PDB file of N, CA and C in Angstrom:
ATOM      1  N   UNK A   1      57.255  42.267 137.375  1.00  0.00           N
ATOM      2  CA  UNK A   1      57.812  42.452 138.374  1.00  0.00           C
ATOM      3  C   UNK A   1      59.402  42.360 138.055  1.00  0.00           C
ATOM      4  N   UNK A   2      60.472  42.563 138.605  1.00  0.00           N
ATOM      5  CA  UNK A   2      61.987  43.109 137.915  1.00  0.00           C
ATOM      6  C   UNK A   2      62.752  42.513 139.005  1.00  0.00           C
ATOM      7  N   UNK A   3      63.614  41.533 138.955  1.00  0.00           N
ATOM      8  CA  UNK A   3      64.850  41.178 140.042  1.00  0.00           C
ATOM      9  C   UNK A   3      65.439  42.200 140.507  1.00  0.00           C
ATOM     10  N   UNK A   4      65.501  43.398 139.951  1.00  0.00           N
ATOM     11  CA  UNK A   4      66.362  44.712 140.455  1.00  0.00           C
ATOM     12  C   UNK A   4      65.238  45.326 141.746  1.00  0.00           C
ATOM     13  N   UNK A   5      64.000  44.931 141.385  1.00  0.00           N
ATOM     14  CA  UNK A   5      63.184  45.623 142.692  1.00  0.00           C
ATOM     15  C   UNK A   5      62.908  44.883 143.684  1.00  0.00           C
ATOM     16  N   UNK A   6      63.327  43.377 143.714  1.00  0.00           N
ATOM     17  CA  UNK A   6      62.970  42.597 144.821  1.00  0.00           C
ATOM     18  C   UNK A   6      62.284  41.446 144.855  1.00  0.00           C
ATOM     19  N   UNK A   7      62.461  40.617 145.354  1.00  0.00           N
ATOM     20  CA  UNK A   7      61.584  39.051 145.348  1.00  0.00           C
ATOM     21  C   UNK A   7      60.173  39.347 146.267  1.00  0.00           C
ATOM     22  N   UNK A   8      59.861  40.478 146.954  1.00  0.00           N
ATOM     23  CA  UNK A   8      58.984  40.534 147.860  1.00  0.00           C
ATOM     24  C   UNK A   8      57.817  41.250 147.182  1.00  0.00           C
ATOM     25  N   UNK A   9      57.733  41.469 146.105  1.00  0.00           N
ATOM     26  CA  UNK A   9      56.561  42.045 145.345  1.00  0.00           C
ATOM     27  C   UNK A   9      55.329  41.249 145.586  1.00  0.00           C
ATOM     28  N   UNK A  10      55.323  40.254 145.571  1.00  0.00           N
ATOM     29  CA  UNK A  10      54.038  39.321 145.707  1.00  0.00           C
ATOM     30  C   UNK A  10      53.557  39.551 147.439  1.00  0.00           C
ATOM     31  N   UNK A  11      54.213  39.653 148.105  1.00  0.00           N
ATOM     32  CA  UNK A  11      53.957  39.875 149.479  1.00  0.00           C
ATOM     33  C   UNK A  11      53.226  41.227 149.641  1.00  0.00           C
ATOM     34  N   UNK A  12      54.009  42.241 148.956  1.00  0.00           N
ATOM     35  CA  UNK A  12      53.554  43.722 149.397  1.00  0.00           C
ATOM     36  C   UNK A  12      52.232  44.028 148.569  1.00  0.00           C
ATOM     37  N   UNK A  13      52.169  43.422 147.181  1.00  0.00           N
ATOM     38  CA  UNK A  13      51.068  43.898 146.612  1.00  0.00           C
ATOM     39  C   UNK A  13      50.163  42.453 146.223  1.00  0.00           C
ATOM     40  N   UNK A  14      49.754  41.923 147.225  1.00  0.00           N
ATOM     41  CA  UNK A  14      48.925  40.531 146.664  1.00  0.00           C
ATOM     42  C   UNK A  14      47.595  40.693 145.918  1.00  0.00           C
ATOM     43  N   UNK A  15      46.982  41.936 145.887  1.00  0.00           N
ATOM     44  CA  UNK A  15      45.844  41.712 145.344  1.00  0.00           C
ATOM     45  C   UNK A  15      46.202  41.994 143.693  1.00  0.00           C
ATOM     46  N   UNK A  16      47.282  42.639 143.391  1.00  0.00           N
ATOM     47  CA  UNK A  16      47.498  42.647 141.870  1.00  0.00           C
ATOM     48  C   UNK A  16      47.860  41.117 141.399  1.00  0.00           C
ATOM     49  N   UNK A  17      48.609  40.487 142.409  1.00  0.00           N
ATOM     50  CA  UNK A  17      48.959  38.889 142.058  1.00  0.00           C
ATOM     51  C   UNK A  17      47.948  38.163 142.072  1.00  0.00           C
ATOM     52  N   UNK A  18      46.844  38.481 142.975  1.00  0.00           N
ATOM     53  CA  UNK A  18      45.672  37.579 142.612  1.00  0.00           C
ATOM     54  C   UNK A  18      44.738  37.618 141.570  1.00  0.00           C
ATOM     55  N   UNK A  19      44.913  38.724 140.928  1.00  0.00           N
ATOM     56  CA  UNK A  19      43.786  38.996 139.573  1.00  0.00           C
ATOM     57  C   UNK A  19      44.557  38.921 138.076  1.00  0.00           C
ATOM     58  N   UNK A  20      45.972  38.571 138.448  1.00  0.00           N
ATOM     59  CA  UNK A  20      46.713  38.543 137.370  1.00  0.00           C
ATOM     60  C   UNK A  20      46.954  37.262 136.877  1.00  0.00           C
ATOM     61  N   UNK A  21      46.979  37.072 135.290  1.00  0.00           N
ATOM     62  CA  UNK A  21      46.895  35.867 134.801  1.00  0.00           C
ATOM     63  C   UNK A  21      48.436  35.404 134.678  1.00  0.00           C
ATOM     64  N   UNK A  22      49.112  36.343 134.457  1.00  0.00           N
ATOM     65  CA  UNK A  22      50.756  35.851 133.888  1.00  0.00           C
ATOM     66  C   UNK A  22      51.549  36.898 134.773  1.00  0.00           C
ATOM     67  N   UNK A  23      52.723  36.329 135.337  1.00  0.00           N
ATOM     68  CA  UNK A  23      53.789  36.984 135.904  1.00  0.00           C
ATOM     69  C   UNK A  23      54.970  37.065 135.173  1.00  0.00           C
ATOM     70  N   UNK A  24      55.326  38.318 134.877  1.00  0.00           N
ATOM     71  CA  UNK A  24      56.689  38.497 134.131  1.00  0.00           C
ATOM     72  C   UNK A  24      57.781  38.638 135.093  1.00  0.00           C
ATOM     73  N   UNK A  25      58.648  38.153 134.987  1.00  0.00           N
ATOM     74  CA  UNK A  25      60.077  38.329 136.022  1.00  0.00           C
ATOM     75  C   UNK A  25      61.099  38.973 135.111  1.00  0.00           C
ATOM     76  N   UNK A  26      61.313  40.157 134.834  1.00  0.00           N
ATOM     77  CA  UNK A  26      62.479  40.491 134.091  1.00  0.00           C
ATOM     78  C   UNK A  26      63.686  40.895 134.694  1.00  0.00           C
ATOM     79  N   UNK A  27      64.660  40.932 133.627  1.00  0.00           N
ATOM     80  CA  UNK A  27      66.034  41.286 134.236  1.00  0.00           C
ATOM     81  C   UNK A  27      66.536  40.173 134.750  1.00  0.00           C
ATOM     82  N   UNK A  28      66.233  38.845 134.307  1.00  0.00           N
ATOM     83  CA  UNK A  28      66.946  37.704 134.824  1.00  0.00           C
ATOM     84  C   UNK A  28      68.369  37.496 134.732  1.00  0.00           C
ATOM     85  N   UNK A  29      68.848  38.318 133.520  1.00  0.00           N
ATOM     86  CA  UNK A  29      70.230  38.385 133.352  1.00  0.00           C
ATOM     87  C   UNK A  29      71.314  38.948 134.325  1.00  0.00           C
ATOM     88  N   UNK A  30      70.563  39.677 135.356  1.00  0.00           N
ATOM     89  CA  UNK A  30      71.017  40.388 136.390  1.00  0.00           C
ATOM     90  C   UNK A  30      71.086  39.547 137.855  1.00  0.00           C
ATOM     91  N   UNK A  31      70.275  38.504 137.681  1.00  0.00           N
ATOM     92  CA  UNK A  31      70.266  37.732 138.855  1.00  0.00           C
ATOM     93  C   UNK A  31      71.460  37.577 140.022  1.00  0.00           C
ATOM     94  N   UNK A  32      72.759  37.365 139.126  1.00  0.00           N
ATOM     95  CA  UNK A  32      73.947  37.490 139.601  1.00  0.00           C
ATOM     96  C   UNK A  32      74.446  38.389 140.507  1.00  0.00           C
ATOM     97  N   UNK A  33      73.761  39.750 140.298  1.00  0.00           N
ATOM     98  CA  UNK A  33      74.213  40.909 140.704  1.00  0.00           C
ATOM     99  C   UNK A  33      73.275  41.544 141.834  1.00  0.00           C
ATOM    100  N   UNK A  34      72.259  40.564 142.373  1.00  0.00           N
ATOM    101  CA  UNK A  34      71.411  41.057 143.196  1.00  0.00           C
ATOM    102  C   UNK A  34      70.716  39.908 144.171  1.00  0.00           C
ATOM    103  N   UNK A  35      70.276  40.198 145.283  1.00  0.00           N
ATOM    104  CA  UNK A  35      69.823  39.422 146.182  1.00  0.00           C
ATOM    105  C   UNK A  35      68.493  38.555 145.775  1.00  0.00           C
ATOM    106  N   UNK A  36      68.009  38.942 144.985  1.00  0.00           N
ATOM    107  CA  UNK A  36      66.695  38.323 144.394  1.00  0.00           C
ATOM    108  C   UNK A  36      66.800  36.920 144.619  1.00  0.00           C
ATOM    109  N   UNK A  37      65.515  36.440 145.041  1.00  0.00           N
ATOM    110  CA  UNK A  37      65.487  34.831 145.294  1.00  0.00           C
ATOM    111  C   UNK A  37      64.320  34.670 144.315  1.00  0.00           C
ATOM    112  N   UNK A  38      64.906  33.783 143.220  1.00  0.00           N
ATOM    113  CA  UNK A  38      63.599  33.268 142.184  1.00  0.00           C
ATOM    114  C   UNK A  38      62.799  32.442 142.805  1.00  0.00           C
ATOM    115  N   UNK A  39      63.187  31.562 143.398  1.00  0.00           N
ATOM    116  CA  UNK A  39      62.311  30.249 144.044  1.00  0.00           C
ATOM    117  C   UNK A  39      61.139  31.014 145.055  1.00  0.00           C
ATOM    118  N   UNK A  40      61.842  31.761 145.995  1.00  0.00           N
ATOM    119  CA  UNK A  40      61.188  32.710 146.653  1.00  0.00           C
ATOM    120  C   UNK A  40      59.765  33.286 146.254  1.00  0.00           C
ATOM    121  N   UNK A  41      60.187  34.001 145.164  1.00  0.00           N
ATOM    122  CA  UNK A  41      59.375  34.860 144.523  1.00  0.00           C
ATOM    123  C   UNK A  41      58.374  34.131 143.844  1.00  0.00           C
ATOM    124  N   UNK A  42      58.589  33.332 143.274  1.00  0.00           N
ATOM    125  CA  UNK A  42      57.684  32.051 142.513  1.00  0.00           C
ATOM    126  C   UNK A  42      56.827  31.408 143.586  1.00  0.00           C
ATOM    127  N   UNK A  43      57.312  31.249 144.693  1.00  0.00           N
ATOM    128  CA  UNK A  43      56.357  30.329 145.612  1.00  0.00           C
ATOM    129  C   UNK A  43      55.309  31.245 146.162  1.00  0.00           C
ATOM    130  N   UNK A  44      56.090  32.495 146.618  1.00  0.00           N
ATOM    131  CA  UNK A  44      55.081  33.655 147.218  1.00  0.00           C
ATOM    132  C   UNK A  44      53.977  33.908 146.263  1.00  0.00           C
ATOM    133  N   UNK A  45      54.382  33.885 144.917  1.00  0.00           N
ATOM    134  CA  UNK A  45      53.425  34.720 143.887  1.00  0.00           C
ATOM    135  C   UNK A  45      52.368  33.372 143.821  1.00  0.00           C
ATOM    136  N   UNK A  46      52.770  32.106 143.718  1.00  0.00           N
ATOM    137  CA  UNK A  46      51.707  31.032 143.494  1.00  0.00           C
ATOM    138  C   UNK A  46      51.079  30.719 144.472  1.00  0.00           C
ATOM    139  N   UNK A  47      51.396  31.070 145.768  1.00  0.00           N
ATOM    140  CA  UNK A  47      50.582  31.033 147.057  1.00  0.00           C
ATOM    141  C   UNK A  47      49.331  31.953 146.994  1.00  0.00           C
ATOM    142  N   UNK A  48      49.583  33.399 146.374  1.00  0.00           N
ATOM    143  CA  UNK A  48      48.554  33.925 146.202  1.00  0.00           C
ATOM    144  C   UNK A  48      47.648  33.673 145.327  1.00  0.00           C
ATOM    145  N   UNK A  49      48.300  33.134 143.895  1.00  0.00           N
ATOM    146  CA  UNK A  49      47.457  32.946 142.818  1.00  0.00           C
ATOM    147  C   UNK A  49      48.117  31.394 142.253  1.00  0.00           C
ATOM    148  N   UNK A  50      47.548  30.547 142.473  1.00  0.00           N
ATOM    149  CA  UNK A  50      48.180  29.263 142.088  1.00  0.00           C
ATOM    150  C   UNK A  50      47.913  28.962 140.556  1.00  0.00           C
ATOM    151  N   UNK A  51      47.298  29.977 139.915  1.00  0.00           N
ATOM    152  CA  UNK A  51      46.937  29.855 138.390  1.00  0.00           C
ATOM    153  C   UNK A  51      47.990  30.614 137.485  1.00  0.00           C
ATOM    154  N   UNK A  52      48.922  31.042 138.205  1.00  0.00           N
ATOM    155  CA  UNK A  52      49.868  32.656 137.367  1.00  0.00           C
ATOM    156  C   UNK A  52      50.609  31.452 136.602  1.00  0.00           C
ATOM    157  N   UNK A  53      50.759  31.940 135.329  1.00  0.00           N
ATOM    158  CA  UNK A  53      51.859  31.518 134.447  1.00  0.00           C
ATOM    159  C   UNK A  53      52.813  32.447 134.496  1.00  0.00           C
ATOM    160  N   UNK A  54      54.063  31.914 135.049  1.00  0.00           N
ATOM    161  CA  UNK A  54      55.236  32.796 135.375  1.00  0.00           C
ATOM    162  C   UNK A  54      56.189  32.429 134.066  1.00  0.00           C
ATOM    163  N   UNK A  55      56.828  33.716 133.790  1.00  0.00           N
ATOM    164  CA  UNK A  55      57.718  33.925 132.655  1.00  0.00           C
ATOM    165  C   UNK A  55      58.805  34.685 132.976  1.00  0.00           C
ATOM    166  N   UNK A  56      60.101  33.816 133.133  1.00  0.00           N
ATOM    167  CA  UNK A  56      61.268  34.760 133.290  1.00  0.00           C
ATOM    168  C   UNK A  56      61.951  35.178 132.080  1.00  0.00           C
ATOM    169  N   UNK A  57      62.249  36.533 132.005  1.00  0.00           N
ATOM    170  CA  UNK A  57      62.666  36.942 130.924  1.00  0.00           C
ATOM    171  C   UNK A  57      63.746  37.842 130.916  1.00  0.00           C
ATOM    172  N   UNK A  58      64.506  37.851 129.941  1.00  0.00           N
ATOM    173  CA  UNK A  58      65.726  38.784 129.925  1.00  0.00           C
ATOM    174  C   UNK A  58      65.754  39.517 128.175  1.00  0.00           C
ATOM    175  N   UNK A  59      65.441  40.774 128.368  1.00  0.00           N
ATOM    176  CA  UNK A  59      65.712  41.654 127.088  1.00  0.00           C
ATOM    177  C   UNK A  59      67.086  41.669 126.701  1.00  0.00           C
ATOM    178  N   UNK A  60      68.100  41.314 127.211  1.00  0.00           N
ATOM    179  CA  UNK A  60      69.637  41.311 126.761  1.00  0.00           C
ATOM    180  C   UNK A  60      70.022  39.903 125.951  1.00  0.00           C
ATOM    181  N   UNK A  61      69.503  38.966 126.447  1.00  0.00           N
ATOM    182  CA  UNK A  61      69.663  37.691 125.884  1.00  0.00           C
ATOM    183  C   UNK A  61      68.730  37.128 125.085  1.00  0.00           C
ATOM    184  N   UNK A  62      67.256  37.279 125.771  1.00  0.00           N
ATOM    185  CA  UNK A  62      66.325  37.021 124.657  1.00  0.00           C
ATOM    186  C   UNK A  62      65.304  36.023 125.557  1.00  0.00           C
ATOM    187  N   UNK A  63      66.154  35.361 126.630  1.00  0.00           N
ATOM    188  CA  UNK A  63      65.413  34.504 127.377  1.00  0.00           C
ATOM    189  C   UNK A  63      64.074  34.781 127.965  1.00  0.00           C
ATOM    190  N   UNK A  64      63.204  33.826 127.274  1.00  0.00           N
ATOM    191  CA  UNK A  64      61.926  34.105 127.749  1.00  0.00           C
ATOM    192  C   UNK A  64      60.853  34.907 126.834  1.00  0.00           C
ATOM    193  N   UNK A  65      61.536  35.621 126.027  1.00  0.00           N
ATOM    194  CA  UNK A  65      60.585  36.505 125.280  1.00  0.00           C
ATOM    195  C   UNK A  65      59.402  35.889 124.228  1.00  0.00           C
ATOM    196  N   UNK A  66      60.141  34.807 123.778  1.00  0.00           N
ATOM    197  CA  UNK A  66      59.139  34.273 122.736  1.00  0.00           C
ATOM    198  C   UNK A  66      58.021  33.664 123.550  1.00  0.00           C
ATOM    199  N   UNK A  67      58.420  32.820 124.582  1.00  0.00           N
ATOM    200  CA  UNK A  67      57.351  32.546 125.495  1.00  0.00           C
ATOM    201  C   UNK A  67      56.152  33.510 125.846  1.00  0.00           C
ATOM    202  N   UNK A  68      56.828  34.853 126.378  1.00  0.00           N
ATOM    203  CA  UNK A  68      55.891  35.803 126.674  1.00  0.00           C
ATOM    204  C   UNK A  68      55.492  36.340 125.699  1.00  0.00           C
ATOM    205  N   UNK A  69      55.546  36.369 124.498  1.00  0.00           N
ATOM    206  CA  UNK A  69      54.559  36.751 123.194  1.00  0.00           C
ATOM    207  C   UNK A  69      53.891  35.924 123.082  1.00  0.00           C
ATOM    208  N   UNK A  70      54.043  34.548 122.959  1.00  0.00           N
ATOM    209  CA  UNK A  70      52.957  33.375 122.968  1.00  0.00           C
ATOM    210  C   UNK A  70      52.213  33.334 123.994  1.00  0.00           C
ATOM    211  N   UNK A  71      52.369  33.843 125.104  1.00  0.00           N
ATOM    212  CA  UNK A  71      51.392  33.839 126.019  1.00  0.00           C
ATOM    213  C   UNK A  71      50.400  34.949 125.803  1.00  0.00           C
ATOM    214  N   UNK A  72      50.958  36.052 125.351  1.00  0.00           N
ATOM    215  CA  UNK A  72      49.979  37.430 124.895  1.00  0.00           C
ATOM    216  C   UNK A  72      49.072  37.041 123.992  1.00  0.00           C
ATOM    217  N   UNK A  73      49.348  36.410 123.052  1.00  0.00           N
ATOM    218  CA  UNK A  73      48.809  35.877 121.597  1.00  0.00           C
ATOM    219  C   UNK A  73      47.659  35.011 121.971  1.00  0.00           C
ATOM    220  N   UNK A  74      48.113  34.030 122.851  1.00  0.00           N
ATOM    221  CA  UNK A  74      46.894  33.165 123.356  1.00  0.00           C
ATOM    222  C   UNK A  74      45.851  33.741 124.642  1.00  0.00           C
ATOM    223  N   UNK A  75      46.100  34.854 124.978  1.00  0.00           N
ATOM    224  CA  UNK A  75      45.575  35.690 125.720  1.00  0.00           C
ATOM    225  C   UNK A  75      44.373  36.167 125.096  1.00  0.00           C
ATOM    226  N   UNK A  76      44.743  36.572 123.984  1.00  0.00           N
ATOM    227  CA  UNK A  76      44.042  37.591 123.336  1.00  0.00           C
ATOM    228  C   UNK A  76      42.888  36.851 122.349  1.00  0.00           C
ATOM    229  N   UNK A  77      43.097  35.732 122.012  1.00  0.00           N
ATOM    230  CA  UNK A  77      42.263  34.966 121.273  1.00  0.00           C
ATOM    231  C   UNK A  77      41.056  34.375 121.965  1.00  0.00           C
TER     232      UNK A  77
END
């Protein structure tokens, strides 16, 4: 899910979030330029699937990328 696409995705696509193991919230470097509410997005996603591993990332500054890679490697083992 991308901050540029809005924080309402968990409510629009609950089936997707229900079966997911990880939620990647990308483009967090753009938060200041959007009306994306990080806490609302996380709260809605966790209400649908309390087991979600939520990782906020930015490919511009590298925020969360290591954690994302670690979660991928852990998931395939």
